[in-house]
Amino acid sequence: MELKKSLVEEILIIISASQVRAIRSVDAERVLMYWQIGKVIFEEEQQGKSRADYGSFLIKSISNEFQSQFGIGFSIRQLEMNRQFYRLFSNTNALRSQFNWTHY
């Protein structure tokens, strides 16, 4: 039995739309994950003070702990960007679900 061309096209549209939604969902979760990591780092560094102690090796320690397991997403530079991201967008309501990490 031969499939109608319109049926195949309709299924391809469904598959494509689902793939796009899945990618957006993953991007939104990644942005939220980076925001949460930045929050945890910032709050640990500050510990209620207006400025973090100079010479803190917190980010380097976190990077050493997680980079071998999770890769470059936990480099020192990436973790510093997570912290800065939280500082710039300290309210999660300011995050836009249609933006991915590269937009920020």
PDB file of N, CA and C in Angstrom:
ATOM      1  N   MET A   1       0.839  -1.178   0.000  1.00  0.00           N
ATOM      2  CA  MET A   1       0.000   0.000   0.000  1.00  0.00           C
ATOM      3  C   MET A   1       0.881   1.237   0.000  1.00  0.00           C
ATOM      4  N   GLU A   2       0.632   2.133  -0.893  1.00  0.00           N
ATOM      5  CA  GLU A   2       1.422   3.352  -1.016  1.00  0.00           C
ATOM      6  C   GLU A   2       0.783   4.471  -0.189  1.00  0.00           C
ATOM      7  N   LEU A   3       1.621   5.165   0.584  1.00  0.00           N
ATOM      8  CA  LEU A   3       1.121   6.279   1.401  1.00  0.00           C
ATOM      9  C   LEU A   3       0.867   7.500   0.542  1.00  0.00           C
ATOM     10  N   LYS A   4      -0.181   8.212   0.893  1.00  0.00           N
ATOM     11  CA  LYS A   4      -0.465   9.465   0.203  1.00  0.00           C
ATOM     12  C   LYS A   4       0.592  10.486   0.571  1.00  0.00           C
ATOM     13  N   LYS A   5       0.966  11.295  -0.387  1.00  0.00           N
ATOM     14  CA  LYS A   5       1.992  12.314  -0.170  1.00  0.00           C
ATOM     15  C   LYS A   5       1.560  13.299   0.907  1.00  0.00           C
ATOM     16  N   SER A   6       0.294  13.671   0.959  1.00  0.00           N
ATOM     17  CA  SER A   6      -0.182  14.621   1.962  1.00  0.00           C
ATOM     18  C   SER A   6      -0.085  14.047   3.372  1.00  0.00           C
ATOM     19  N   LEU A   7      -0.304  12.738   3.521  1.00  0.00           N
ATOM     20  CA  LEU A   7      -0.188  12.088   4.817  1.00  0.00           C
ATOM     21  C   LEU A   7       1.257  12.113   5.292  1.00  0.00           C
ATOM     22  N   VAL A   8       2.178  11.801   4.414  1.00  0.00           N
ATOM     23  CA  VAL A   8       3.608  11.829   4.745  1.00  0.00           C
ATOM     24  C   VAL A   8       4.023  13.246   5.136  1.00  0.00           C
ATOM     25  N   GLU A   9       3.591  14.226   4.382  1.00  0.00           N
ATOM     26  CA  GLU A   9       3.928  15.623   4.683  1.00  0.00           C
ATOM     27  C   GLU A   9       3.359  16.050   6.030  1.00  0.00           C
ATOM     28  N   GLU A  10       2.147  15.629   6.340  1.00  0.00           N
ATOM     29  CA  GLU A  10       1.525  15.978   7.624  1.00  0.00           C
ATOM     30  C   GLU A  10       2.318  15.384   8.787  1.00  0.00           C
ATOM     31  N   ILE A  11       2.733  14.134   8.631  1.00  0.00           N
ATOM     32  CA  ILE A  11       3.527  13.481   9.687  1.00  0.00           C
ATOM     33  C   ILE A  11       4.885  14.161   9.823  1.00  0.00           C
ATOM     34  N   LEU A  12       5.495  14.545   8.713  1.00  0.00           N
ATOM     35  CA  LEU A  12       6.781  15.252   8.772  1.00  0.00           C
ATOM     36  C   LEU A  12       6.637  16.584   9.505  1.00  0.00           C
ATOM     37  N   ILE A  13       5.543  17.293   9.310  1.00  0.00           N
ATOM     38  CA  ILE A  13       5.299  18.556  10.013  1.00  0.00           C
ATOM     39  C   ILE A  13       5.175  18.311  11.515  1.00  0.00           C
ATOM     40  N   ILE A  14       4.469  17.251  11.888  1.00  0.00           N
ATOM     41  CA  ILE A  14       4.326  16.906  13.311  1.00  0.00           C
ATOM     42  C   ILE A  14       5.679  16.593  13.928  1.00  0.00           C
ATOM     43  N   ILE A  15       6.476  15.798  13.238  1.00  0.00           N
ATOM     44  CA  ILE A  15       7.806  15.438  13.746  1.00  0.00           C
ATOM     45  C   ILE A  15       8.677  16.679  13.890  1.00  0.00           C
ATOM     46  N   SER A  16       8.691  17.521  12.886  1.00  0.00           N
ATOM     47  CA  SER A  16       9.515  18.727  12.910  1.00  0.00           C
ATOM     48  C   SER A  16       9.101  19.656  14.042  1.00  0.00           C
ATOM     49  N   ALA A  17       7.811  19.869  14.215  1.00  0.00           N
ATOM     50  CA  ALA A  17       7.320  20.749  15.284  1.00  0.00           C
ATOM     51  C   ALA A  17       7.693  20.189  16.657  1.00  0.00           C
ATOM     52  N   SER A  18       7.597  18.881  16.813  1.00  0.00           N
ATOM     53  CA  SER A  18       7.966  18.248  18.084  1.00  0.00           C
ATOM     54  C   SER A  18       9.451  18.403  18.375  1.00  0.00           C
ATOM     55  N   GLN A  19      10.273  18.271  17.360  1.00  0.00           N
ATOM     56  CA  GLN A  19      11.713  18.449  17.540  1.00  0.00           C
ATOM     57  C   GLN A  19      12.038  19.876  17.970  1.00  0.00           C
ATOM     58  N   VAL A  20      11.400  20.849  17.359  1.00  0.00           N
ATOM     59  CA  VAL A  20      11.627  22.249  17.717  1.00  0.00           C
ATOM     60  C   VAL A  20      11.214  22.493  19.170  1.00  0.00           C
ATOM     61  N   ARG A  21      10.054  21.973  19.577  1.00  0.00           N
ATOM     62  CA  ARG A  21       9.600  22.154  20.966  1.00  0.00           C
ATOM     63  C   ARG A  21      10.551  21.466  21.949  1.00  0.00           C
ATOM     64  N   ALA A  22      11.056  20.310  21.586  1.00  0.00           N
ATOM     65  CA  ALA A  22      11.994  19.601  22.472  1.00  0.00           C
ATOM     66  C   ALA A  22      13.281  20.399  22.653  1.00  0.00           C
ATOM     67  N   ILE A  23      13.793  20.959  21.584  1.00  0.00           N
ATOM     68  CA  ILE A  23      15.016  21.769  21.666  1.00  0.00           C
ATOM     69  C   ILE A  23      14.779  22.998  22.541  1.00  0.00           C
ATOM     70  N   ARG A  24      13.642  23.664  22.354  1.00  0.00           N
ATOM     71  CA  ARG A  24      13.327  24.840  23.184  1.00  0.00           C
ATOM     72  C   ARG A  24      13.217  24.469  24.646  1.00  0.00           C
ATOM     73  N   SER A  25      12.629  23.329  24.926  1.00  0.00           N
ATOM     74  CA  SER A  25      12.482  22.873  26.301  1.00  0.00           C
ATOM     75  C   SER A  25      13.840  22.619  26.940  1.00  0.00           C
ATOM     76  N   VAL A  26      14.724  21.956  26.205  1.00  0.00           N
ATOM     77  CA  VAL A  26      16.073  21.694  26.713  1.00  0.00           C
ATOM     78  C   VAL A  26      16.817  23.013  26.942  1.00  0.00           C
ATOM     79  N   ASP A  27      16.701  23.947  26.005  1.00  0.00           N
ATOM     80  CA  ASP A  27      17.353  25.256  26.158  1.00  0.00           C
ATOM     81  C   ASP A  27      16.832  25.988  27.386  1.00  0.00           C
ATOM     82  N   ALA A  28      15.524  25.959  27.605  1.00  0.00           N
ATOM     83  CA  ALA A  28      14.941  26.631  28.775  1.00  0.00           C
ATOM     84  C   ALA A  28      15.453  26.006  30.064  1.00  0.00           C
ATOM     85  N   GLU A  29      15.554  24.692  30.102  1.00  0.00           N
ATOM     86  CA  GLU A  29      16.069  24.010  31.293  1.00  0.00           C
ATOM     87  C   GLU A  29      17.541  24.328  31.522  1.00  0.00           C
ATOM     88  N   ARG A  30      18.303  24.424  30.449  1.00  0.00           N
ATOM     89  CA  ARG A  30      19.724  24.754  30.562  1.00  0.00           C
ATOM     90  C   ARG A  30      19.899  26.163  31.143  1.00  0.00           C
ATOM     91  N   VAL A  31      19.122  27.105  30.656  1.00  0.00           N
ATOM     92  CA  VAL A  31      19.188  28.479  31.163  1.00  0.00           C
ATOM     93  C   VAL A  31      18.851  28.490  32.650  1.00  0.00           C
ATOM     94  N   LEU A  32      17.796  27.783  33.036  1.00  0.00           N
ATOM     95  CA  LEU A  32      17.409  27.732  34.446  1.00  0.00           C
ATOM     96  C   LEU A  32      18.494  27.062  35.285  1.00  0.00           C
ATOM     97  N   MET A  33      19.100  25.998  34.757  1.00  0.00           N
ATOM     98  CA  MET A  33      20.175  25.320  35.481  1.00  0.00           C
ATOM     99  C   MET A  33      21.350  26.267  35.714  1.00  0.00           C
ATOM    100  N   TYR A  34      21.768  26.994  34.666  1.00  0.00           N
ATOM    101  CA  TYR A  34      22.873  27.931  34.817  1.00  0.00           C
ATOM    102  C   TYR A  34      22.533  29.034  35.806  1.00  0.00           C
ATOM    103  N   TRP A  35      21.293  29.513  35.795  1.00  0.00           N
ATOM    104  CA  TRP A  35      20.855  30.546  36.734  1.00  0.00           C
ATOM    105  C   TRP A  35      20.941  30.012  38.164  1.00  0.00           C
ATOM    106  N   GLN A  36      20.449  28.788  38.384  1.00  0.00           N
ATOM    107  CA  GLN A  36      20.476  28.203  39.722  1.00  0.00           C
ATOM    108  C   GLN A  36      21.901  27.966  40.212  1.00  0.00           C
ATOM    109  N   ILE A  37      22.778  27.508  39.329  1.00  0.00           N
ATOM    110  CA  ILE A  37      24.185  27.311  39.698  1.00  0.00           C
ATOM    111  C   ILE A  37      24.799  28.660  40.075  1.00  0.00           C
ATOM    112  N   GLY A  38      24.529  29.679  39.269  1.00  0.00           N
ATOM    113  CA  GLY A  38      25.039  31.017  39.573  1.00  0.00           C
ATOM    114  C   GLY A  38      24.545  31.519  40.914  1.00  0.00           C
ATOM    115  N   LYS A  39      23.299  31.256  41.226  1.00  0.00           N
ATOM    116  CA  LYS A  39      22.713  31.675  42.506  1.00  0.00           C
ATOM    117  C   LYS A  39      23.419  31.003  43.678  1.00  0.00           C
ATOM    118  N   VAL A  40      23.613  29.694  43.567  1.00  0.00           N
ATOM    119  CA  VAL A  40      24.271  28.943  44.642  1.00  0.00           C
ATOM    120  C   VAL A  40      25.701  29.454  44.855  1.00  0.00           C
ATOM    121  N   ILE A  41      26.420  29.660  43.773  1.00  0.00           N
ATOM    122  CA  ILE A  41      27.796  30.158  43.869  1.00  0.00           C
ATOM    123  C   ILE A  41      27.806  31.557  44.484  1.00  0.00           C
ATOM    124  N   PHE A  42      26.971  32.442  43.978  1.00  0.00           N
ATOM    125  CA  PHE A  42      26.923  33.816  44.472  1.00  0.00           C
ATOM    126  C   PHE A  42      26.596  33.847  45.961  1.00  0.00           C
ATOM    127  N   GLU A  43      25.578  33.108  46.364  1.00  0.00           N
ATOM    128  CA  GLU A  43      25.176  33.116  47.777  1.00  0.00           C
ATOM    129  C   GLU A  43      26.244  32.516  48.678  1.00  0.00           C
ATOM    130  N   GLU A  44      26.940  31.499  48.203  1.00  0.00           N
ATOM    131  CA  GLU A  44      28.022  30.908  49.009  1.00  0.00           C
ATOM    132  C   GLU A  44      29.192  31.869  49.126  1.00  0.00           C
ATOM    133  N   GLU A  45      29.523  32.535  48.029  1.00  0.00           N
ATOM    134  CA  GLU A  45      30.632  33.497  48.065  1.00  0.00           C
ATOM    135  C   GLU A  45      30.324  34.679  48.978  1.00  0.00           C
ATOM    136  N   GLN A  46      29.130  35.200  48.865  1.00  0.00           N
ATOM    137  CA  GLN A  46      28.775  36.402  49.620  1.00  0.00           C
ATOM    138  C   GLN A  46      28.548  36.108  51.100  1.00  0.00           C
ATOM    139  N   GLN A  47      27.880  35.023  51.396  1.00  0.00           N
ATOM    140  CA  GLN A  47      27.533  34.647  52.766  1.00  0.00           C
ATOM    141  C   GLN A  47      27.012  35.839  53.562  1.00  0.00           C
ATOM    142  N   GLY A  48      26.073  36.559  52.971  1.00  0.00           N
ATOM    143  CA  GLY A  48      25.442  37.687  53.650  1.00  0.00           C
ATOM    144  C   GLY A  48      26.234  38.976  53.628  1.00  0.00           C
ATOM    145  N   LYS A  49      27.429  38.969  53.042  1.00  0.00           N
ATOM    146  CA  LYS A  49      28.253  40.174  52.982  1.00  0.00           C
ATOM    147  C   LYS A  49      27.994  40.894  51.667  1.00  0.00           C
ATOM    148  N   SER A  50      28.294  42.174  51.648  1.00  0.00           N
ATOM    149  CA  SER A  50      28.075  42.932  50.421  1.00  0.00           C
ATOM    150  C   SER A  50      29.088  42.564  49.347  1.00  0.00           C
ATOM    151  N   ARG A  51      30.266  42.086  49.747  1.00  0.00           N
ATOM    152  CA  ARG A  51      31.291  41.669  48.788  1.00  0.00           C
ATOM    153  C   ARG A  51      31.875  40.337  49.224  1.00  0.00           C
ATOM    154  N   ALA A  52      32.241  39.531  48.246  1.00  0.00           N
ATOM    155  CA  ALA A  52      32.873  38.238  48.545  1.00  0.00           C
ATOM    156  C   ALA A  52      34.305  38.457  49.000  1.00  0.00           C
ATOM    157  N   ASP A  53      34.797  37.529  49.787  1.00  0.00           N
ATOM    158  CA  ASP A  53      36.187  37.609  50.229  1.00  0.00           C
ATOM    159  C   ASP A  53      37.124  37.477  49.037  1.00  0.00           C
ATOM    160  N   TYR A  54      38.143  38.299  49.006  1.00  0.00           N
ATOM    161  CA  TYR A  54      39.136  38.255  47.940  1.00  0.00           C
ATOM    162  C   TYR A  54      39.903  36.940  48.041  1.00  0.00           C
ATOM    163  N   GLY A  55      40.189  36.360  46.887  1.00  0.00           N
ATOM    164  CA  GLY A  55      40.998  35.148  46.872  1.00  0.00           C
ATOM    165  C   GLY A  55      40.198  33.875  47.067  1.00  0.00           C
ATOM    166  N   SER A  56      38.884  33.958  47.010  1.00  0.00           N
ATOM    167  CA  SER A  56      38.061  32.769  47.166  1.00  0.00           C
ATOM    168  C   SER A  56      38.297  31.831  45.981  1.00  0.00           C
ATOM    169  N   PHE A  57      38.514  30.568  46.282  1.00  0.00           N
ATOM    170  CA  PHE A  57      38.764  29.585  45.228  1.00  0.00           C
ATOM    171  C   PHE A  57      37.550  28.682  45.024  1.00  0.00           C
ATOM    172  N   LEU A  58      36.383  29.195  45.381  1.00  0.00           N
ATOM    173  CA  LEU A  58      35.159  28.407  45.286  1.00  0.00           C
ATOM    174  C   LEU A  58      34.908  27.931  43.862  1.00  0.00           C
ATOM    175  N   ILE A  59      34.963  28.829  42.906  1.00  0.00           N
ATOM    176  CA  ILE A  59      34.666  28.457  41.515  1.00  0.00           C
ATOM    177  C   ILE A  59      35.688  27.457  40.989  1.00  0.00           C
ATOM    178  N   LYS A  60      36.938  27.663  41.311  1.00  0.00           N
ATOM    179  CA  LYS A  60      37.969  26.720  40.867  1.00  0.00           C
ATOM    180  C   LYS A  60      37.721  25.343  41.467  1.00  0.00           C
ATOM    181  N   SER A  61      37.328  25.292  42.717  1.00  0.00           N
ATOM    182  CA  SER A  61      37.049  24.013  43.368  1.00  0.00           C
ATOM    183  C   SER A  61      35.850  23.317  42.736  1.00  0.00           C
ATOM    184  N   ILE A  62      34.805  24.085  42.441  1.00  0.00           N
ATOM    185  CA  ILE A  62      33.620  23.511  41.800  1.00  0.00           C
ATOM    186  C   ILE A  62      33.989  22.970  40.424  1.00  0.00           C
ATOM    187  N   SER A  63      34.762  23.748  39.684  1.00  0.00           N
ATOM    188  CA  SER A  63      35.189  23.325  38.356  1.00  0.00           C
ATOM    189  C   SER A  63      35.976  22.027  38.436  1.00  0.00           C
ATOM    190  N   ASN A  64      36.919  21.954  39.354  1.00  0.00           N
ATOM    191  CA  ASN A  64      37.725  20.733  39.511  1.00  0.00           C
ATOM    192  C   ASN A  64      36.854  19.532  39.863  1.00  0.00           C
ATOM    193  N   GLU A  65      35.836  19.769  40.664  1.00  0.00           N
ATOM    194  CA  GLU A  65      34.951  18.688  41.111  1.00  0.00           C
ATOM    195  C   GLU A  65      34.073  18.138  39.980  1.00  0.00           C
ATOM    196  N   PHE A  66      33.538  19.033  39.144  1.00  0.00           N
ATOM    197  CA  PHE A  66      32.516  18.620  38.187  1.00  0.00           C
ATOM    198  C   PHE A  66      32.953  18.550  36.725  1.00  0.00           C
ATOM    199  N   GLN A  67      34.027  19.206  36.358  1.00  0.00           N
ATOM    200  CA  GLN A  67      34.397  19.262  34.946  1.00  0.00           C
ATOM    201  C   GLN A  67      34.727  17.887  34.371  1.00  0.00           C
ATOM    202  N   SER A  68      35.384  17.050  35.120  1.00  0.00           N
ATOM    203  CA  SER A  68      35.732  15.730  34.586  1.00  0.00           C
ATOM    204  C   SER A  68      34.477  14.884  34.341  1.00  0.00           C
ATOM    205  N   GLN A  69      33.448  15.122  35.122  1.00  0.00           N
ATOM    206  CA  GLN A  69      32.218  14.340  34.980  1.00  0.00           C
ATOM    207  C   GLN A  69      31.256  14.940  33.949  1.00  0.00           C
ATOM    208  N   PHE A  70      31.172  16.286  33.900  1.00  0.00           N
ATOM    209  CA  PHE A  70      30.170  16.932  33.060  1.00  0.00           C
ATOM    210  C   PHE A  70      30.743  17.761  31.914  1.00  0.00           C
ATOM    211  N   GLY A  71      32.046  17.911  31.838  1.00  0.00           N
ATOM    212  CA  GLY A  71      32.664  18.593  30.707  1.00  0.00           C
ATOM    213  C   GLY A  71      32.781  20.095  30.842  1.00  0.00           C
ATOM    214  N   ILE A  72      32.884  20.762  29.677  1.00  0.00           N
ATOM    215  CA  ILE A  72      33.216  22.183  29.653  1.00  0.00           C
ATOM    216  C   ILE A  72      32.131  23.077  30.242  1.00  0.00           C
ATOM    217  N   GLY A  73      30.939  22.554  30.460  1.00  0.00           N
ATOM    218  CA  GLY A  73      29.885  23.335  31.099  1.00  0.00           C
ATOM    219  C   GLY A  73      30.246  23.721  32.521  1.00  0.00           C
ATOM    220  N   PHE A  74      31.315  23.144  33.039  1.00  0.00           N
ATOM    221  CA  PHE A  74      31.756  23.439  34.395  1.00  0.00           C
ATOM    222  C   PHE A  74      33.181  23.973  34.442  1.00  0.00           C
ATOM    223  N   SER A  75      33.589  24.613  33.357  1.00  0.00           N
ATOM    224  CA  SER A  75      34.899  25.264  33.353  1.00  0.00           C
ATOM    225  C   SER A  75      34.826  26.481  34.278  1.00  0.00           C
ATOM    226  N   ILE A  76      35.962  26.975  34.678  1.00  0.00           N
ATOM    227  CA  ILE A  76      36.006  28.166  35.534  1.00  0.00           C
ATOM    228  C   ILE A  76      35.293  29.322  34.848  1.00  0.00           C
ATOM    229  N   ARG A  77      35.568  29.502  33.584  1.00  0.00           N
ATOM    230  CA  ARG A  77      34.938  30.598  32.836  1.00  0.00           C
ATOM    231  C   ARG A  77      33.418  30.448  32.797  1.00  0.00           C
ATOM    232  N   GLN A  78      32.943  29.243  32.533  1.00  0.00           N
ATOM    233  CA  GLN A  78      31.498  29.015  32.474  1.00  0.00           C
ATOM    234  C   GLN A  78      30.850  29.270  33.830  1.00  0.00           C
ATOM    235  N   LEU A  79      31.479  28.811  34.898  1.00  0.00           N
ATOM    236  CA  LEU A  79      30.932  29.025  36.239  1.00  0.00           C
ATOM    237  C   LEU A  79      30.923  30.509  36.604  1.00  0.00           C
ATOM    238  N   GLU A  80      31.947  31.241  36.180  1.00  0.00           N
ATOM    239  CA  GLU A  80      31.951  32.686  36.402  1.00  0.00           C
ATOM    240  C   GLU A  80      30.811  33.350  35.637  1.00  0.00           C
ATOM    241  N   MET A  81      30.532  32.859  34.431  1.00  0.00           N
ATOM    242  CA  MET A  81      29.420  33.405  33.650  1.00  0.00           C
ATOM    243  C   MET A  81      28.080  33.061  34.307  1.00  0.00           C
ATOM    244  N   ASN A  82      27.972  31.881  34.904  1.00  0.00           N
ATOM    245  CA  ASN A  82      26.744  31.519  35.638  1.00  0.00           C
ATOM    246  C   ASN A  82      26.507  32.482  36.794  1.00  0.00           C
ATOM    247  N   ARG A  83      27.575  32.778  37.532  1.00  0.00           N
ATOM    248  CA  ARG A  83      27.462  33.704  38.655  1.00  0.00           C
ATOM    249  C   ARG A  83      27.067  35.092  38.169  1.00  0.00           C
ATOM    250  N   GLN A  84      27.703  35.549  37.110  1.00  0.00           N
ATOM    251  CA  GLN A  84      27.374  36.865  36.546  1.00  0.00           C
ATOM    252  C   GLN A  84      25.937  36.884  36.014  1.00  0.00           C
ATOM    253  N   PHE A  85      25.508  35.806  35.400  1.00  0.00           N
ATOM    254  CA  PHE A  85      24.152  35.680  34.890  1.00  0.00           C
ATOM    255  C   PHE A  85      23.139  35.860  36.018  1.00  0.00           C
ATOM    256  N   TYR A  86      23.387  35.185  37.141  1.00  0.00           N
ATOM    257  CA  TYR A  86      22.496  35.335  38.296  1.00  0.00           C
ATOM    258  C   TYR A  86      22.497  36.779  38.799  1.00  0.00           C
ATOM    259  N   ARG A  87      23.662  37.389  38.856  1.00  0.00           N
ATOM    260  CA  ARG A  87      23.744  38.762  39.357  1.00  0.00           C
ATOM    261  C   ARG A  87      22.973  39.728  38.457  1.00  0.00           C
ATOM    262  N   LEU A  88      23.011  39.509  37.148  1.00  0.00           N
ATOM    263  CA  LEU A  88      22.303  40.386  36.214  1.00  0.00           C
ATOM    264  C   LEU A  88      20.797  40.127  36.196  1.00  0.00           C
ATOM    265  N   PHE A  89      20.413  38.883  36.396  1.00  0.00           N
ATOM    266  CA  PHE A  89      19.003  38.491  36.350  1.00  0.00           C
ATOM    267  C   PHE A  89      18.655  37.784  37.659  1.00  0.00           C
ATOM    268  N   SER A  90      18.694  38.511  38.761  1.00  0.00           N
ATOM    269  CA  SER A  90      18.487  37.879  40.068  1.00  0.00           C
ATOM    270  C   SER A  90      17.042  37.428  40.283  1.00  0.00           C
ATOM    271  N   ASN A  91      16.151  37.831  39.394  1.00  0.00           N
ATOM    272  CA  ASN A  91      14.759  37.402  39.472  1.00  0.00           C
ATOM    273  C   ASN A  91      14.483  36.470  38.294  1.00  0.00           C
ATOM    274  N   THR A  92      14.097  35.234  38.574  1.00  0.00           N
ATOM    275  CA  THR A  92      13.852  34.285  37.478  1.00  0.00           C
ATOM    276  C   THR A  92      12.710  34.716  36.577  1.00  0.00           C
ATOM    277  N   ASN A  93      11.832  35.574  37.070  1.00  0.00           N
ATOM    278  CA  ASN A  93      10.739  36.057  36.218  1.00  0.00           C
ATOM    279  C   ASN A  93      11.260  36.910  35.070  1.00  0.00           C
ATOM    280  N   ALA A  94      12.477  37.421  35.196  1.00  0.00           N
ATOM    281  CA  ALA A  94      13.077  38.234  34.132  1.00  0.00           C
ATOM    282  C   ALA A  94      13.608  37.368  32.990  1.00  0.00           C
ATOM    283  N   LEU A  95      13.739  36.071  33.233  1.00  0.00           N
ATOM    284  CA  LEU A  95      14.231  35.167  32.194  1.00  0.00           C
ATOM    285  C   LEU A  95      13.119  34.905  31.183  1.00  0.00           C
ATOM    286  N   ARG A  96      13.478  34.897  29.945  1.00  0.00           N
ATOM    287  CA  ARG A  96      12.506  34.664  28.874  1.00  0.00           C
ATOM    288  C   ARG A  96      12.655  33.239  28.351  1.00  0.00           C
ATOM    289  N   SER A  97      11.564  32.503  28.347  1.00  0.00           N
ATOM    290  CA  SER A  97      11.625  31.101  27.933  1.00  0.00           C
ATOM    291  C   SER A  97      11.967  30.944  26.452  1.00  0.00           C
ATOM    292  N   GLN A  98      11.741  31.988  25.647  1.00  0.00           N
ATOM    293  CA  GLN A  98      12.052  31.878  24.229  1.00  0.00           C
ATOM    294  C   GLN A  98      13.531  32.121  23.933  1.00  0.00           C
ATOM    295  N   PHE A  99      14.294  32.557  24.950  1.00  0.00           N
ATOM    296  CA  PHE A  99      15.731  32.780  24.767  1.00  0.00           C
ATOM    297  C   PHE A  99      16.492  31.534  25.170  1.00  0.00           C
ATOM    298  N   ASN A 100      17.569  31.244  24.460  1.00  0.00           N
ATOM    299  CA  ASN A 100      18.448  30.178  24.890  1.00  0.00           C
ATOM    300  C   ASN A 100      19.695  30.801  25.526  1.00  0.00           C
ATOM    301  N   TRP A 101      20.609  29.976  25.973  1.00  0.00           N
ATOM    302  CA  TRP A 101      21.780  30.458  26.708  1.00  0.00           C
ATOM    303  C   TRP A 101      22.599  31.458  25.898  1.00  0.00           C
ATOM    304  N   THR A 102      22.726  31.235  24.608  1.00  0.00           N
ATOM    305  CA  THR A 102      23.541  32.139  23.796  1.00  0.00           C
ATOM    306  C   THR A 102      22.914  33.525  23.687  1.00  0.00           C
ATOM    307  N   HIS A 103      21.609  33.641  23.833  1.00  0.00           N
ATOM    308  CA  HIS A 103      20.978  34.967  23.845  1.00  0.00           C
ATOM    309  C   HIS A 103      21.425  35.777  25.058  1.00  0.00           C
ATOM    310  N   TYR A 104      21.577  35.107  26.181  1.00  0.00           N
ATOM    311  CA  TYR A 104      21.997  35.799  27.396  1.00  0.00           C
ATOM    312  C   TYR A 104      23.477  36.072  27.364  1.00  0.00           C
TER     313      TYR A 104
END
